[in-house]
Structure formats: C-alpha cells, structure tokens
C-alpha cells in the first residue's frame, strides 16, 4: 500500500497531537530519543512514518 504525502502528514499530525496532550508521555518520548538515539527510536517505533515523527520530536528538545 502506498501512502500519499498528505495522508502521511495527517497520520503523523494525529500522533503528535496525542503525544502533546500527554505531558508525561511527551517527556518519556523525548528522553527515549535522547537516551537511545535516533536509530534506536526508529527501531522501537518500527513504522515507515517514523522519520517524520522523529523530526518533530527532535524539535521538542529545544522548546522550553
């Protein structure tokens, strides 16, 4: 199944919204990315849209 860019953005947007609504989960996700690195996080998520999601999460590290 080929997923179009617009559909990918919708899926990633929904995931981001869910994480942002839960501050504890957001902190855990950011800390997991910091501790394990990008490649380990991609393996844990194991989804084709992980690269887009990771870019968003990496941006959270710099927002206070």
N, C-alpha and C. Protein backbone atom coordinates (compact mmCIF):
# COMPACT_ATOMS: atom_id res chain seq x y z
N UNK A 1 0.83 -1.18 0.00
CA UNK A 1 0.00 0.00 0.00
C UNK A 1 0.88 1.25 0.00
N UNK A 2 0.63 2.14 -0.91
CA UNK A 2 1.38 3.38 -0.99
C UNK A 2 0.57 4.47 -0.30
N UNK A 3 1.22 5.16 0.63
CA UNK A 3 0.55 6.24 1.36
C UNK A 3 1.03 7.56 0.79
N UNK A 4 0.09 8.42 0.43
CA UNK A 4 0.43 9.71 -0.15
C UNK A 4 0.94 10.67 0.93
N UNK A 5 1.67 11.68 0.51
CA UNK A 5 2.26 12.65 1.43
C UNK A 5 1.23 13.30 2.34
N UNK A 6 0.10 13.68 1.80
CA UNK A 6 -0.94 14.32 2.60
C UNK A 6 -1.43 13.38 3.69
N UNK A 7 -1.61 12.11 3.33
CA UNK A 7 -2.06 11.12 4.31
C UNK A 7 -0.99 10.88 5.37
N UNK A 8 0.27 10.87 4.97
CA UNK A 8 1.37 10.71 5.92
C UNK A 8 1.35 11.84 6.94
N UNK A 9 1.19 13.06 6.45
CA UNK A 9 1.17 14.22 7.34
C UNK A 9 0.00 14.16 8.31
N UNK A 10 -1.14 13.67 7.85
CA UNK A 10 -2.31 13.55 8.72
C UNK A 10 -2.03 12.54 9.83
N UNK A 11 -1.47 11.40 9.47
CA UNK A 11 -1.17 10.37 10.47
C UNK A 11 -0.16 10.88 11.48
N UNK A 12 0.92 11.47 11.02
CA UNK A 12 1.94 12.00 11.92
C UNK A 12 1.35 13.11 12.79
N UNK A 13 0.53 13.95 12.21
CA UNK A 13 -0.12 15.02 12.97
C UNK A 13 -0.97 14.48 14.10
N UNK A 14 -1.69 13.41 13.85
CA UNK A 14 -2.52 12.80 14.90
C UNK A 14 -1.65 12.22 16.01
N UNK A 15 -0.56 11.58 15.64
CA UNK A 15 0.36 11.03 16.65
C UNK A 15 0.95 12.15 17.48
N UNK A 16 1.39 13.20 16.84
CA UNK A 16 1.96 14.35 17.54
C UNK A 16 0.93 14.96 18.49
N UNK A 17 -0.29 15.12 18.03
CA UNK A 17 -1.35 15.67 18.89
C UNK A 17 -1.56 14.81 20.13
N UNK A 18 -1.59 13.50 19.95
CA UNK A 18 -1.78 12.59 21.08
C UNK A 18 -0.63 12.71 22.08
N UNK A 19 0.58 12.78 21.58
CA UNK A 19 1.74 12.89 22.48
C UNK A 19 1.73 14.24 23.19
N UNK A 20 1.43 15.31 22.47
CA UNK A 20 1.45 16.64 23.08
C UNK A 20 0.36 16.82 24.14
N UNK A 21 -0.73 16.09 24.03
CA UNK A 21 -1.80 16.17 25.02
C UNK A 21 -1.44 15.47 26.32
N UNK A 22 -0.37 14.70 26.30
CA UNK A 22 0.04 13.93 27.48
C UNK A 22 1.47 14.32 27.83
N UNK A 23 1.65 15.31 28.72
CA UNK A 23 2.99 15.81 29.04
C UNK A 23 3.96 14.72 29.55
N UNK A 24 3.44 13.77 30.29
CA UNK A 24 4.32 12.69 30.79
C UNK A 24 4.81 11.83 29.63
N UNK A 25 3.92 11.51 28.72
CA UNK A 25 4.31 10.72 27.55
C UNK A 25 5.29 11.51 26.69
N UNK A 26 5.04 12.80 26.52
CA UNK A 26 5.93 13.64 25.72
C UNK A 26 7.33 13.63 26.32
N UNK A 27 7.43 13.77 27.63
CA UNK A 27 8.74 13.76 28.30
C UNK A 27 9.42 12.40 28.12
N UNK A 28 8.66 11.33 28.21
CA UNK A 28 9.23 9.99 28.03
C UNK A 28 9.74 9.80 26.60
N UNK A 29 8.98 10.28 25.64
CA UNK A 29 9.38 10.13 24.24
C UNK A 29 10.66 10.92 23.96
N UNK A 30 10.71 12.15 24.44
CA UNK A 30 11.91 12.98 24.24
C UNK A 30 13.10 12.34 24.93
N UNK A 31 12.92 11.87 26.16
CA UNK A 31 14.02 11.25 26.89
C UNK A 31 14.48 9.95 26.22
N UNK A 32 13.54 9.18 25.69
CA UNK A 32 13.91 7.96 24.98
C UNK A 32 14.74 8.26 23.76
N UNK A 33 14.37 9.31 23.05
CA UNK A 33 15.13 9.70 21.87
C UNK A 33 16.53 10.16 22.25
N UNK A 34 16.62 10.94 23.33
CA UNK A 34 17.93 11.41 23.80
C UNK A 34 18.80 10.24 24.25
N UNK A 35 18.22 9.33 25.01
CA UNK A 35 18.99 8.23 25.59
C UNK A 35 19.42 7.20 24.55
N UNK A 36 18.51 6.83 23.67
CA UNK A 36 18.80 5.76 22.74
C UNK A 36 19.27 6.21 21.38
N UNK A 37 19.05 7.46 21.07
CA UNK A 37 19.43 7.95 19.75
C UNK A 37 18.34 7.71 18.72
N UNK A 38 18.51 8.35 17.61
CA UNK A 38 17.50 8.32 16.54
C UNK A 38 17.29 6.92 15.98
N UNK A 39 18.35 6.22 15.70
CA UNK A 39 18.21 4.90 15.08
C UNK A 39 17.52 3.91 16.01
N UNK A 40 17.85 3.95 17.30
CA UNK A 40 17.20 3.06 18.26
C UNK A 40 15.72 3.38 18.36
N UNK A 41 15.39 4.67 18.32
CA UNK A 41 13.99 5.07 18.39
C UNK A 41 13.23 4.58 17.15
N UNK A 42 13.85 4.69 15.99
CA UNK A 42 13.23 4.20 14.75
C UNK A 42 12.94 2.71 14.86
N UNK A 43 13.89 1.96 15.41
CA UNK A 43 13.70 0.53 15.58
C UNK A 43 12.56 0.23 16.53
N UNK A 44 12.46 1.00 17.61
CA UNK A 44 11.40 0.79 18.60
C UNK A 44 10.03 1.09 18.01
N UNK A 45 9.95 2.17 17.23
CA UNK A 45 8.68 2.56 16.62
C UNK A 45 8.34 1.62 15.47
N UNK A 46 9.34 1.27 14.67
CA UNK A 46 9.19 0.34 13.56
C UNK A 46 8.00 0.67 12.66
N UNK A 47 8.01 1.88 12.14
CA UNK A 47 6.93 2.32 11.24
C UNK A 47 7.52 3.20 10.15
N UNK A 48 7.00 3.11 8.93
CA UNK A 48 7.55 3.90 7.83
C UNK A 48 7.49 5.42 8.04
N UNK A 49 6.60 5.88 8.87
CA UNK A 49 6.47 7.31 9.11
C UNK A 49 7.34 7.80 10.28
N UNK A 50 8.18 6.91 10.80
CA UNK A 50 9.00 7.25 11.96
C UNK A 50 9.91 8.44 11.69
N UNK A 51 10.46 8.57 10.50
CA UNK A 51 11.37 9.69 10.21
C UNK A 51 10.70 11.04 10.39
N UNK A 52 9.47 11.16 9.93
CA UNK A 52 8.73 12.42 10.06
C UNK A 52 8.45 12.69 11.53
N UNK A 53 8.01 11.66 12.24
CA UNK A 53 7.70 11.80 13.66
C UNK A 53 8.95 12.18 14.45
N UNK A 54 10.06 11.55 14.15
CA UNK A 54 11.30 11.82 14.87
C UNK A 54 11.75 13.26 14.66
N UNK A 55 11.59 13.78 13.46
CA UNK A 55 11.96 15.18 13.22
C UNK A 55 11.16 16.11 14.12
N UNK A 56 9.89 15.83 14.29
CA UNK A 56 9.05 16.64 15.17
C UNK A 56 9.50 16.52 16.62
N UNK A 57 9.75 15.31 17.05
CA UNK A 57 10.16 15.07 18.44
C UNK A 57 11.50 15.74 18.72
N UNK A 58 12.42 15.67 17.78
CA UNK A 58 13.72 16.31 17.98
C UNK A 58 13.55 17.81 18.18
N UNK A 59 12.60 18.42 17.52
CA UNK A 59 12.33 19.84 17.70
C UNK A 59 11.84 20.16 19.11
N UNK A 60 11.15 19.22 19.74
CA UNK A 60 10.66 19.44 21.11
C UNK A 60 11.80 19.57 22.11
N UNK A 61 12.93 18.97 21.81
CA UNK A 61 14.06 19.01 22.74
C UNK A 61 14.53 20.42 22.99
N UNK A 62 14.29 21.30 22.05
CA UNK A 62 14.81 22.67 22.14
C UNK A 62 13.76 23.68 22.57
N UNK A 63 12.54 23.21 22.79
CA UNK A 63 11.44 24.09 23.21
C UNK A 63 11.26 23.95 24.72
N UNK A 64 11.22 25.06 25.38
CA UNK A 64 11.04 25.03 26.85
C UNK A 64 9.69 25.53 27.20
